[in-house]
Amino acid sequence: MILSSVSETLAPVSRHPALESVVDSLRQKIACERLAGLTDTAKALLGAIVATELRRPMVILVASGRGAEVFAASMQFFYSALAGQEATEVAVLPAMDVLPWQEAAPHAEILENRAVSLWRYATGQARVVVAPVAAARMRLRDAAYYAEQARTLGRDEQVSLDDLVAHLRRVGYESHDMVEMPGQFTVRGGIVDIFPAEAERPVRLELFGDSVESLREFDPNTQRSVRPIETVTLPPLLEQPANGFGRGSGTSATAQRSSRTHSLFDLHEDTVILLDEPAAIEEASRSFFSERDGRP
């Protein structure tokens, strides 16, 4: 919990004439504004102020993955203090640790973080994405594609057990004898235990035929129920589902939408783009394209 005194201390910064001028220009969609001479902490505060004032999707481009993590951590604090919103509205999109044409598999944690961040940004749950150059330069599918990769289930909803299991496998969940960690699920008759990505506890779903009879959070250590819930959302763990398409058996409409013709900057309209240290970003871009063009 952030003390109200912290919010009151930060609020006057947004009324600085230079910052007010920048925010007004962005509100009027003037192409470019520049502020120089800021410390890293001040830049994170600036980003939080712009995000809370404009309430528009924002992409913050930084030079490196480490820089993205540090920037996001500071901005999450300021965003929560200024807007009174959850820090989860600021997400990080990590870069792949291997490029698509390299003969190696990306790290599972990176795949999960990318999938969840793209899903949350596409659905508006994250308003701000902080991304290193190597992540922002990769081509993406459109926002609707990423929004479809999650599934929300509610009590009394009709759902086929076979379809649910197929969806879980497709978006990266793994079958285990007992659910103990995020990304795992198990099926015992009409009971499905699932540990959703980013959730604090796993969920036990009981089916009566094709109807969701009950949903309960449970303790993964004791396997005992903690409390009933009305709905559960199952975020994806893969940016690109195992069969290459989104939920459902049909492929034509989804396939047409999901060709890689989009960038992180145009997943939403009216996106605000903030560049952290343009010279460093330009150098990181040259390095990325040099590595890309030098592929075998």
C-alpha atoms as a PDB file:
ATOM      1  CA  MET A   1       0.000   0.000   0.000  1.00  0.00           C
ATOM      2  CA  ILE A   2       1.350   3.419  -0.983  1.00  0.00           C
ATOM      3  CA  LEU A   3       0.848   6.167   1.597  1.00  0.00           C
ATOM      4  CA  SER A   4      -1.329   9.104   0.563  1.00  0.00           C
ATOM      5  CA  SER A   5       1.504  11.454   1.523  1.00  0.00           C
ATOM      6  CA  VAL A   6       3.628   9.939  -1.261  1.00  0.00           C
ATOM      7  CA  SER A   7       0.893  10.597  -3.812  1.00  0.00           C
ATOM      8  CA  GLU A   8       0.482  14.148  -2.563  1.00  0.00           C
ATOM      9  CA  THR A   9       4.239  14.748  -2.857  1.00  0.00           C
ATOM     10  CA  LEU A  10       4.376  13.465  -6.448  1.00  0.00           C
ATOM     11  CA  ALA A  11       1.245  15.195  -7.733  1.00  0.00           C
ATOM     12  CA  PRO A  12       2.762  18.717  -8.086  1.00  0.00           C
ATOM     13  CA  VAL A  13       5.399  17.386 -10.506  1.00  0.00           C
ATOM     14  CA  SER A  14       2.702  16.929 -13.147  1.00  0.00           C
ATOM     15  CA  ARG A  15       2.005  20.665 -12.984  1.00  0.00           C
ATOM     16  CA  HIS A  16       5.537  21.657 -13.990  1.00  0.00           C
ATOM     17  CA  PRO A  17       5.236  23.943 -17.067  1.00  0.00           C
ATOM     18  CA  ALA A  18       7.605  21.858 -19.222  1.00  0.00           C
ATOM     19  CA  LEU A  19       5.735  18.666 -18.456  1.00  0.00           C
ATOM     20  CA  GLU A  20       2.334  20.290 -18.929  1.00  0.00           C
ATOM     21  CA  SER A  21       3.501  21.434 -22.375  1.00  0.00           C
ATOM     22  CA  VAL A  22       4.569  17.898 -23.307  1.00  0.00           C
ATOM     23  CA  VAL A  23       1.287  16.368 -22.130  1.00  0.00           C
ATOM     24  CA  ASP A  24      -0.756  18.992 -24.004  1.00  0.00           C
ATOM     25  CA  SER A  25       1.197  18.316 -27.207  1.00  0.00           C
ATOM     26  CA  LEU A  26       0.659  14.581 -26.887  1.00  0.00           C
ATOM     27  CA  ARG A  27      -3.014  15.119 -26.149  1.00  0.00           C
ATOM     28  CA  GLN A  28      -3.266  17.069 -29.405  1.00  0.00           C
ATOM     29  CA  LYS A  29      -1.292  14.285 -31.149  1.00  0.00           C
ATOM     30  CA  ILE A  30       1.637  16.477 -32.128  1.00  0.00           C
ATOM     31  CA  ALA A  31       4.278  14.151 -33.554  1.00  0.00           C
ATOM     32  CA  CYS A  32       7.235  14.587 -31.223  1.00  0.00           C
ATOM     33  CA  GLU A  33       8.253  16.173 -27.949  1.00  0.00           C
ATOM     34  CA  ARG A  34      11.601  15.934 -26.182  1.00  0.00           C
ATOM     35  CA  LEU A  35      12.699  16.293 -22.589  1.00  0.00           C
ATOM     36  CA  ALA A  36      16.402  15.981 -21.757  1.00  0.00           C
ATOM     37  CA  GLY A  37      18.598  15.933 -18.672  1.00  0.00           C
ATOM     38  CA  LEU A  38      16.434  13.560 -16.624  1.00  0.00           C
ATOM     39  CA  THR A  39      17.670  10.878 -14.245  1.00  0.00           C
ATOM     40  CA  ASP A  40      16.412   7.309 -14.644  1.00  0.00           C
ATOM     41  CA  THR A  41      13.996   7.754 -11.749  1.00  0.00           C
ATOM     42  CA  ALA A  42      12.695  11.022 -13.173  1.00  0.00           C
ATOM     43  CA  LYS A  43      12.090   9.374 -16.551  1.00  0.00           C
ATOM     44  CA  ALA A  44      10.026   6.648 -14.902  1.00  0.00           C
ATOM     45  CA  LEU A  45       8.028   9.298 -13.049  1.00  0.00           C
ATOM     46  CA  LEU A  46       7.526  11.195 -16.311  1.00  0.00           C
ATOM     47  CA  GLY A  47       6.243   8.045 -17.993  1.00  0.00           C
ATOM     48  CA  ALA A  48       3.806   7.412 -15.154  1.00  0.00           C
ATOM     49  CA  ILE A  49       2.497  10.980 -15.299  1.00  0.00           C
ATOM     50  CA  VAL A  50       1.964  10.847 -19.068  1.00  0.00           C
ATOM     51  CA  ALA A  51       0.232   7.467 -18.764  1.00  0.00           C
ATOM     52  CA  THR A  52      -2.134   8.639 -16.017  1.00  0.00           C
ATOM     53  CA  GLU A  53      -2.882  11.975 -17.689  1.00  0.00           C
ATOM     54  CA  LEU A  54      -3.607  10.641 -21.185  1.00  0.00           C
ATOM     55  CA  ARG A  55      -5.088   7.227 -20.309  1.00  0.00           C
ATOM     56  CA  ARG A  56      -3.985   5.904 -23.688  1.00  0.00           C
ATOM     57  CA  PRO A  57      -1.982   2.797 -24.573  1.00  0.00           C
ATOM     58  CA  MET A  58       1.732   3.464 -24.165  1.00  0.00           C
ATOM     59  CA  VAL A  59       4.885   1.706 -25.341  1.00  0.00           C
ATOM     60  CA  ILE A  60       8.140   2.662 -23.654  1.00  0.00           C
ATOM     61  CA  LEU A  61      11.149   1.652 -25.718  1.00  0.00           C
ATOM     62  CA  VAL A  62      14.473   1.070 -23.967  1.00  0.00           C
ATOM     63  CA  ALA A  63      17.831  -0.239 -25.156  1.00  0.00           C
ATOM     64  CA  SER A  64      18.125  -3.479 -23.179  1.00  0.00           C
ATOM     65  CA  GLY A  65      16.174  -6.139 -21.347  1.00  0.00           C
ATOM     66  CA  ARG A  66      17.744  -5.168 -18.030  1.00  0.00           C
ATOM     67  CA  GLY A  67      16.841  -1.550 -18.695  1.00  0.00           C
ATOM     68  CA  ALA A  68      13.225  -2.571 -19.319  1.00  0.00           C
ATOM     69  CA  GLU A  69      13.004  -4.391 -15.987  1.00  0.00           C
ATOM     70  CA  VAL A  70      14.473  -1.467 -14.038  1.00  0.00           C
ATOM     71  CA  PHE A  71      12.335   1.146 -15.804  1.00  0.00           C
ATOM     72  CA  ALA A  72       9.155  -0.874 -15.312  1.00  0.00           C
ATOM     73  CA  ALA A  73       9.807  -1.458 -11.607  1.00  0.00           C
ATOM     74  CA  SER A  74      10.156   2.283 -10.949  1.00  0.00           C
ATOM     75  CA  MET A  75       7.224   3.176 -13.150  1.00  0.00           C
ATOM     76  CA  GLN A  76       4.956   0.622 -11.444  1.00  0.00           C
ATOM     77  CA  PHE A  77       5.557   2.390  -8.139  1.00  0.00           C
ATOM     78  CA  PHE A  78       4.869   5.852  -9.542  1.00  0.00           C
ATOM     79  CA  TYR A  79       1.862   4.686 -11.547  1.00  0.00           C
ATOM     80  CA  SER A  80       0.265   3.156  -8.457  1.00  0.00           C
ATOM     81  CA  ALA A  81       0.969   6.285  -6.415  1.00  0.00           C
ATOM     82  CA  LEU A  82      -0.425   8.718  -8.984  1.00  0.00           C
ATOM     83  CA  ALA A  83      -3.358   6.780 -10.410  1.00  0.00           C
ATOM     84  CA  GLY A  84      -4.332   4.603  -7.482  1.00  0.00           C
ATOM     85  CA  GLN A  85      -4.272   1.696  -9.940  1.00  0.00           C
ATOM     86  CA  GLU A  86      -2.698  -1.719  -9.746  1.00  0.00           C
ATOM     87  CA  ALA A  87       0.976  -1.853 -10.686  1.00  0.00           C
ATOM     88  CA  THR A  88       0.062  -4.683 -13.075  1.00  0.00           C
ATOM     89  CA  GLU A  89      -1.151  -2.043 -15.551  1.00  0.00           C
ATOM     90  CA  VAL A  90       2.558  -1.642 -16.389  1.00  0.00           C
ATOM     91  CA  ALA A  91       3.959  -4.752 -18.109  1.00  0.00           C
ATOM     92  CA  VAL A  92       7.328  -5.792 -19.525  1.00  0.00           C
ATOM     93  CA  LEU A  93       7.634  -7.488 -22.912  1.00  0.00           C
ATOM     94  CA  PRO A  94      10.935  -9.397 -22.795  1.00  0.00           C
ATOM     95  CA  ALA A  95      12.978 -10.106 -25.882  1.00  0.00           C
ATOM     96  CA  MET A  96      13.492 -13.667 -27.075  1.00  0.00           C
ATOM     97  CA  ASP A  97      16.752 -15.176 -25.844  1.00  0.00           C
ATOM     98  CA  VAL A  98      17.159 -16.859 -29.245  1.00  0.00           C
ATOM     99  CA  LEU A  99      16.094 -15.617 -32.665  1.00  0.00           C
ATOM    100  CA  PRO A 100      13.493 -17.590 -34.680  1.00  0.00           C
ATOM    101  CA  TRP A 101      15.983 -19.031 -37.170  1.00  0.00           C
ATOM    102  CA  GLN A 102      18.475 -20.196 -34.544  1.00  0.00           C
ATOM    103  CA  GLU A 103      18.560 -23.890 -33.700  1.00  0.00           C
ATOM    104  CA  ALA A 104      17.562 -23.547 -30.064  1.00  0.00           C
ATOM    105  CA  ALA A 105      14.349 -23.320 -28.060  1.00  0.00           C
ATOM    106  CA  PRO A 106      13.507 -20.094 -26.207  1.00  0.00           C
ATOM    107  CA  HIS A 107      13.413 -20.269 -22.427  1.00  0.00           C
ATOM    108  CA  ALA A 108       9.953 -21.299 -21.148  1.00  0.00           C
ATOM    109  CA  GLU A 109       9.783 -18.372 -18.702  1.00  0.00           C
ATOM    110  CA  ILE A 110      10.407 -15.879 -21.495  1.00  0.00           C
ATOM    111  CA  LEU A 111       7.681 -17.479 -23.627  1.00  0.00           C
ATOM    112  CA  GLU A 112       5.247 -17.280 -20.720  1.00  0.00           C
ATOM    113  CA  ASN A 113       6.098 -13.666 -19.873  1.00  0.00           C
ATOM    114  CA  ARG A 114       5.713 -12.605 -23.507  1.00  0.00           C
ATOM    115  CA  ALA A 115       2.413 -14.443 -23.887  1.00  0.00           C
ATOM    116  CA  VAL A 116       0.920 -12.987 -20.721  1.00  0.00           C
ATOM    117  CA  SER A 117       2.144  -9.444 -21.422  1.00  0.00           C
ATOM    118  CA  LEU A 118       0.803  -9.457 -24.993  1.00  0.00           C
ATOM    119  CA  TRP A 119      -2.537 -10.863 -23.817  1.00  0.00           C
ATOM    120  CA  ARG A 120      -2.847  -8.290 -21.027  1.00  0.00           C
ATOM    121  CA  TYR A 121      -1.857  -5.400 -23.312  1.00  0.00           C
ATOM    122  CA  ALA A 122      -4.171  -6.578 -26.104  1.00  0.00           C
ATOM    123  CA  THR A 123      -7.133  -6.773 -23.713  1.00  0.00           C
ATOM    124  CA  GLY A 124      -6.420  -3.444 -21.974  1.00  0.00           C
ATOM    125  CA  GLN A 125      -5.480  -4.991 -18.637  1.00  0.00           C
ATOM    126  CA  ALA A 126      -2.013  -3.514 -19.088  1.00  0.00           C
ATOM    127  CA  ARG A 127      -2.048   0.074 -20.302  1.00  0.00           C
ATOM    128  CA  VAL A 128       1.730   0.418 -20.559  1.00  0.00           C
ATOM    129  CA  VAL A 129       4.311  -1.949 -22.047  1.00  0.00           C
ATOM    130  CA  VAL A 130       8.020  -1.435 -21.461  1.00  0.00           C
ATOM    131  CA  ALA A 131      10.052  -3.221 -24.131  1.00  0.00           C
ATOM    132  CA  PRO A 132      13.705  -3.478 -25.153  1.00  0.00           C
ATOM    133  CA  VAL A 133      14.559  -2.849 -28.792  1.00  0.00           C
ATOM    134  CA  ALA A 134      14.995  -6.570 -29.510  1.00  0.00           C
ATOM    135  CA  ALA A 135      11.403  -7.230 -28.383  1.00  0.00           C
ATOM    136  CA  ALA A 136       9.799  -4.250 -30.103  1.00  0.00           C
ATOM    137  CA  ARG A 137      11.466  -5.003 -33.458  1.00  0.00           C
ATOM    138  CA  MET A 138       9.873  -8.445 -33.762  1.00  0.00           C
ATOM    139  CA  ARG A 139       6.751  -8.680 -35.932  1.00  0.00           C
ATOM    140  CA  LEU A 140       3.540  -9.558 -34.116  1.00  0.00           C
ATOM    141  CA  ARG A 141      -0.001 -10.621 -34.817  1.00  0.00           C
ATOM    142  CA  ASP A 142      -2.912  -8.275 -34.164  1.00  0.00           C
ATOM    143  CA  ALA A 143      -4.440  -7.507 -30.772  1.00  0.00           C
ATOM    144  CA  ALA A 144      -7.501  -9.720 -31.379  1.00  0.00           C
ATOM    145  CA  TYR A 145      -5.255 -12.732 -31.876  1.00  0.00           C
ATOM    146  CA  TYR A 146      -3.571 -12.323 -28.488  1.00  0.00           C
ATOM    147  CA  ALA A 147      -6.874 -11.569 -26.758  1.00  0.00           C
ATOM    148  CA  GLU A 148      -8.244 -14.927 -27.930  1.00  0.00           C
ATOM    149  CA  GLN A 149      -5.502 -16.992 -26.333  1.00  0.00           C
ATOM    150  CA  ALA A 150      -6.987 -16.771 -22.830  1.00  0.00           C
ATOM    151  CA  ARG A 151     -10.192 -18.416 -21.717  1.00  0.00           C
ATOM    152  CA  THR A 152     -12.547 -17.428 -18.904  1.00  0.00           C
ATOM    153  CA  LEU A 153     -14.805 -20.008 -17.283  1.00  0.00           C
ATOM    154  CA  GLY A 154     -17.718 -19.341 -14.965  1.00  0.00           C
ATOM    155  CA  ARG A 155     -19.917 -21.405 -12.719  1.00  0.00           C
ATOM    156  CA  ASP A 156     -22.838 -23.039 -14.596  1.00  0.00           C
ATOM    157  CA  GLU A 157     -21.093 -22.416 -17.931  1.00  0.00           C
ATOM    158  CA  GLN A 158     -21.236 -25.137 -20.574  1.00  0.00           C
ATOM    159  CA  VAL A 159     -17.823 -26.513 -21.500  1.00  0.00           C
ATOM    160  CA  SER A 160     -16.619 -29.746 -23.060  1.00  0.00           C
ATOM    161  CA  LEU A 161     -13.910 -31.453 -21.025  1.00  0.00           C
ATOM    162  CA  ASP A 162     -12.130 -32.540 -24.202  1.00  0.00           C
ATOM    163  CA  ASP A 163     -12.228 -28.985 -25.597  1.00  0.00           C
ATOM    164  CA  LEU A 164     -10.936 -27.547 -22.319  1.00  0.00           C
ATOM    165  CA  VAL A 165      -8.021 -29.981 -22.147  1.00  0.00           C
ATOM    166  CA  ALA A 166      -7.201 -29.346 -25.819  1.00  0.00           C
ATOM    167  CA  HIS A 167      -7.188 -25.586 -25.184  1.00  0.00           C
ATOM    168  CA  LEU A 168      -4.937 -25.911 -22.128  1.00  0.00           C
ATOM    169  CA  ARG A 169      -2.404 -27.979 -24.067  1.00  0.00           C
ATOM    170  CA  ARG A 170      -2.561 -25.626 -27.040  1.00  0.00           C
ATOM    171  CA  VAL A 171      -1.689 -22.531 -24.990  1.00  0.00           C
ATOM    172  CA  GLY A 172       1.130 -24.190 -23.073  1.00  0.00           C
ATOM    173  CA  TYR A 173      -0.292 -25.823 -19.924  1.00  0.00           C
ATOM    174  CA  GLU A 174       1.242 -29.195 -19.003  1.00  0.00           C
ATOM    175  CA  SER A 175      -0.499 -32.249 -17.554  1.00  0.00           C
ATOM    176  CA  HIS A 176       0.832 -33.467 -14.168  1.00  0.00           C
ATOM    177  CA  ASP A 177      -0.268 -35.998 -11.578  1.00  0.00           C
ATOM    178  CA  MET A 178      -0.681 -33.185  -9.038  1.00  0.00           C
ATOM    179  CA  VAL A 179      -0.955 -29.440  -9.591  1.00  0.00           C
ATOM    180  CA  GLU A 180       1.721 -27.579  -7.663  1.00  0.00           C
ATOM    181  CA  MET A 181       3.021 -24.767  -9.908  1.00  0.00           C
ATOM    182  CA  PRO A 182       1.572 -22.252 -12.411  1.00  0.00           C
ATOM    183  CA  GLY A 183       1.095 -23.742 -15.862  1.00  0.00           C
ATOM    184  CA  GLN A 184       0.105 -27.213 -14.639  1.00  0.00           C
ATOM    185  CA  PHE A 185      -3.213 -29.055 -14.817  1.00  0.00           C
ATOM    186  CA  THR A 186      -4.578 -32.499 -14.009  1.00  0.00           C
ATOM    187  CA  VAL A 187      -7.817 -34.308 -14.823  1.00  0.00           C
ATOM    188  CA  ARG A 188      -9.502 -36.833 -12.540  1.00  0.00           C
ATOM    189  CA  GLY A 189     -12.848 -37.872 -13.916  1.00  0.00           C
ATOM    190  CA  GLY A 190     -14.988 -34.742 -14.004  1.00  0.00           C
ATOM    191  CA  ILE A 191     -12.577 -32.758 -11.807  1.00  0.00           C
ATOM    192  CA  VAL A 192      -9.969 -30.508 -13.405  1.00  0.00           C
ATOM    193  CA  ASP A 193      -7.265 -28.836 -11.330  1.00  0.00           C
ATOM    194  CA  ILE A 194      -5.584 -25.889 -13.063  1.00  0.00           C
ATOM    195  CA  PHE A 195      -2.916 -23.465 -11.868  1.00  0.00           C
ATOM    196  CA  PRO A 196      -3.428 -20.366 -14.064  1.00  0.00           C
ATOM    197  CA  ALA A 197      -0.444 -18.254 -15.034  1.00  0.00           C
ATOM    198  CA  GLU A 198       0.000 -15.296 -12.636  1.00  0.00           C
ATOM    199  CA  ALA A 199      -2.532 -16.724 -10.141  1.00  0.00           C
ATOM    200  CA  GLU A 200      -1.782 -16.972  -6.422  1.00  0.00           C
ATOM    201  CA  ARG A 201      -3.541 -20.334  -6.080  1.00  0.00           C
ATOM    202  CA  PRO A 202      -4.708 -23.139  -8.356  1.00  0.00           C
ATOM    203  CA  VAL A 203      -8.379 -23.712  -9.089  1.00  0.00           C
ATOM    204  CA  ARG A 204     -10.457 -26.897  -8.871  1.00  0.00           C
ATOM    205  CA  LEU A 205     -13.164 -27.088 -11.504  1.00  0.00           C
ATOM    206  CA  GLU A 206     -15.907 -29.723 -11.090  1.00  0.00           C
ATOM    207  CA  LEU A 207     -18.000 -30.681 -14.091  1.00  0.00           C
ATOM    208  CA  PHE A 208     -21.433 -32.250 -14.098  1.00  0.00           C
ATOM    209  CA  GLY A 209     -21.686 -33.471 -17.657  1.00  0.00           C
ATOM    210  CA  ASP A 210     -20.667 -30.414 -19.685  1.00  0.00           C
ATOM    211  CA  SER A 211     -21.682 -27.906 -17.011  1.00  0.00           C
ATOM    212  CA  VAL A 212     -19.295 -26.220 -14.575  1.00  0.00           C
ATOM    213  CA  GLU A 213     -20.836 -27.194 -11.251  1.00  0.00           C
ATOM    214  CA  SER A 214     -18.305 -25.486  -8.986  1.00  0.00           C
ATOM    215  CA  LEU A 215     -15.062 -23.490  -8.984  1.00  0.00           C
ATOM    216  CA  ARG A 216     -12.837 -23.378  -5.916  1.00  0.00           C
ATOM    217  CA  GLU A 217      -9.370 -22.123  -5.160  1.00  0.00           C
ATOM    218  CA  PHE A 218      -7.271 -24.649  -3.272  1.00  0.00           C
ATOM    219  CA  ASP A 219      -3.975 -24.822  -1.429  1.00  0.00           C
ATOM    220  CA  PRO A 220      -1.374 -26.592  -3.615  1.00  0.00           C
ATOM    221  CA  ASN A 221       0.455 -27.873  -0.512  1.00  0.00           C
ATOM    222  CA  THR A 222      -2.499 -29.457   1.277  1.00  0.00           C
ATOM    223  CA  GLN A 223      -4.759 -29.814  -1.808  1.00  0.00           C
ATOM    224  CA  ARG A 224      -7.621 -28.519   0.390  1.00  0.00           C
ATOM    225  CA  SER A 225     -10.197 -26.006  -0.821  1.00  0.00           C
ATOM    226  CA  VAL A 226      -9.685 -22.390   0.264  1.00  0.00           C
ATOM    227  CA  ARG A 227     -12.741 -20.578  -1.091  1.00  0.00           C
ATOM    228  CA  PRO A 228     -15.361 -20.777  -3.849  1.00  0.00           C
ATOM    229  CA  ILE A 229     -15.074 -18.397  -6.819  1.00  0.00           C
ATOM    230  CA  GLU A 230     -17.469 -17.438  -9.598  1.00  0.00           C
ATOM    231  CA  THR A 231     -15.044 -17.244 -12.539  1.00  0.00           C
ATOM    232  CA  VAL A 232     -11.477 -18.112 -13.462  1.00  0.00           C
ATOM    233  CA  THR A 233      -9.357 -16.760 -16.310  1.00  0.00           C
ATOM    234  CA  LEU A 234      -6.685 -18.952 -17.867  1.00  0.00           C
ATOM    235  CA  PRO A 235      -3.974 -16.770 -19.462  1.00  0.00           C
ATOM    236  CA  PRO A 236      -1.778 -18.277 -22.200  1.00  0.00           C
ATOM    237  CA  LEU A 237       1.746 -19.520 -21.598  1.00  0.00           C
ATOM    238  CA  LEU A 238       2.684 -19.458 -25.281  1.00  0.00           C
ATOM    239  CA  GLU A 239       2.730 -16.402 -27.526  1.00  0.00           C
ATOM    240  CA  GLN A 240       1.936 -18.664 -30.462  1.00  0.00           C
ATOM    241  CA  PRO A 241      -0.320 -21.654 -29.621  1.00  0.00           C
ATOM    242  CA  ALA A 242       1.006 -25.119 -30.346  1.00  0.00           C
ATOM    243  CA  ASN A 243      -1.155 -25.591 -33.449  1.00  0.00           C
ATOM    244  CA  GLY A 244      -0.438 -22.069 -34.700  1.00  0.00           C
ATOM    245  CA  PHE A 245      -4.001 -20.828 -34.277  1.00  0.00           C
ATOM    246  CA  GLY A 246      -6.251 -19.453 -31.602  1.00  0.00           C
ATOM    247  CA  ARG A 247      -9.122 -21.099 -29.774  1.00  0.00           C
ATOM    248  CA  GLY A 248     -11.685 -23.049 -31.805  1.00  0.00           C
ATOM    249  CA  SER A 249     -11.550 -25.608 -34.575  1.00  0.00           C
ATOM    250  CA  GLY A 250     -11.963 -23.165 -37.470  1.00  0.00           C
ATOM    251  CA  THR A 251      -8.795 -21.638 -38.881  1.00  0.00           C
ATOM    252  CA  SER A 252      -9.708 -19.361 -41.764  1.00  0.00           C
ATOM    253  CA  ALA A 253     -10.737 -16.150 -39.974  1.00  0.00           C
ATOM    254  CA  THR A 254      -8.108 -16.471 -37.268  1.00  0.00           C
ATOM    255  CA  ALA A 255      -5.388 -17.365 -39.743  1.00  0.00           C
ATOM    256  CA  GLN A 256      -6.195 -14.330 -41.880  1.00  0.00           C
ATOM    257  CA  ARG A 257      -6.028 -12.026 -38.867  1.00  0.00           C
ATOM    258  CA  SER A 258      -2.918 -13.561 -37.392  1.00  0.00           C
ATOM    259  CA  SER A 259      -0.355 -13.050 -40.143  1.00  0.00           C
ATOM    260  CA  ARG A 260       2.670 -11.240 -38.754  1.00  0.00           C
ATOM    261  CA  THR A 261       1.952  -7.796 -40.168  1.00  0.00           C
ATOM    262  CA  HIS A 262       1.851  -5.809 -36.960  1.00  0.00           C
ATOM    263  CA  SER A 263       4.346  -4.260 -34.612  1.00  0.00           C
ATOM    264  CA  LEU A 264       4.087  -3.575 -30.905  1.00  0.00           C
ATOM    265  CA  PHE A 265       3.536   0.089 -31.739  1.00  0.00           C
ATOM    266  CA  ASP A 266       0.324  -0.456 -33.716  1.00  0.00           C
ATOM    267  CA  LEU A 267      -1.474  -3.126 -31.671  1.00  0.00           C
ATOM    268  CA  HIS A 268      -3.670  -0.250 -30.468  1.00  0.00           C
ATOM    269  CA  GLU A 269      -4.698   3.019 -32.047  1.00  0.00           C
ATOM    270  CA  ASP A 270      -3.524   6.302 -30.498  1.00  0.00           C
ATOM    271  CA  THR A 271      -0.504   4.653 -28.896  1.00  0.00           C
ATOM    272  CA  VAL A 272       1.902   6.971 -27.085  1.00  0.00           C
ATOM    273  CA  ILE A 273       5.536   6.020 -27.742  1.00  0.00           C
ATOM    274  CA  LEU A 274       8.183   7.087 -25.257  1.00  0.00           C
ATOM    275  CA  LEU A 275      11.861   6.629 -26.154  1.00  0.00           C
ATOM    276  CA  ASP A 276      14.345   6.262 -23.307  1.00  0.00           C
ATOM    277  CA  GLU A 277      17.725   7.598 -24.461  1.00  0.00           C
ATOM    278  CA  PRO A 278      17.266   7.722 -28.274  1.00  0.00           C
ATOM    279  CA  ALA A 279      20.993   7.387 -28.972  1.00  0.00           C
ATOM    280  CA  ALA A 280      21.216   4.142 -26.989  1.00  0.00           C
ATOM    281  CA  ILE A 281      18.084   2.852 -28.712  1.00  0.00           C
ATOM    282  CA  GLU A 282      19.550   3.628 -32.129  1.00  0.00           C
ATOM    283  CA  GLU A 283      22.729   1.737 -31.252  1.00  0.00           C
ATOM    284  CA  ALA A 284      20.721  -1.242 -29.943  1.00  0.00           C
ATOM    285  CA  SER A 285      18.671  -1.217 -33.162  1.00  0.00           C
ATOM    286  CA  ARG A 286      21.811  -1.330 -35.291  1.00  0.00           C
ATOM    287  CA  SER A 287      23.078  -4.252 -33.237  1.00  0.00           C
ATOM    288  CA  PHE A 288      19.766  -6.107 -33.590  1.00  0.00           C
ATOM    289  CA  PHE A 289      19.612  -5.678 -37.369  1.00  0.00           C
ATOM    290  CA  SER A 290      23.270  -6.614 -37.700  1.00  0.00           C
ATOM    291  CA  GLU A 291      22.617  -9.889 -35.866  1.00  0.00           C
ATOM    292  CA  ARG A 292      19.455 -10.491 -37.878  1.00  0.00           C
ATOM    293  CA  ASP A 293      21.091  -9.827 -41.238  1.00  0.00           C
ATOM    294  CA  GLY A 294      24.054 -12.023 -40.345  1.00  0.00           C
ATOM    295  CA  ARG A 295      21.893 -15.127 -39.943  1.00  0.00           C
ATOM    296  CA  PRO A 296      22.906 -18.232 -41.875  1.00  0.00           C
END
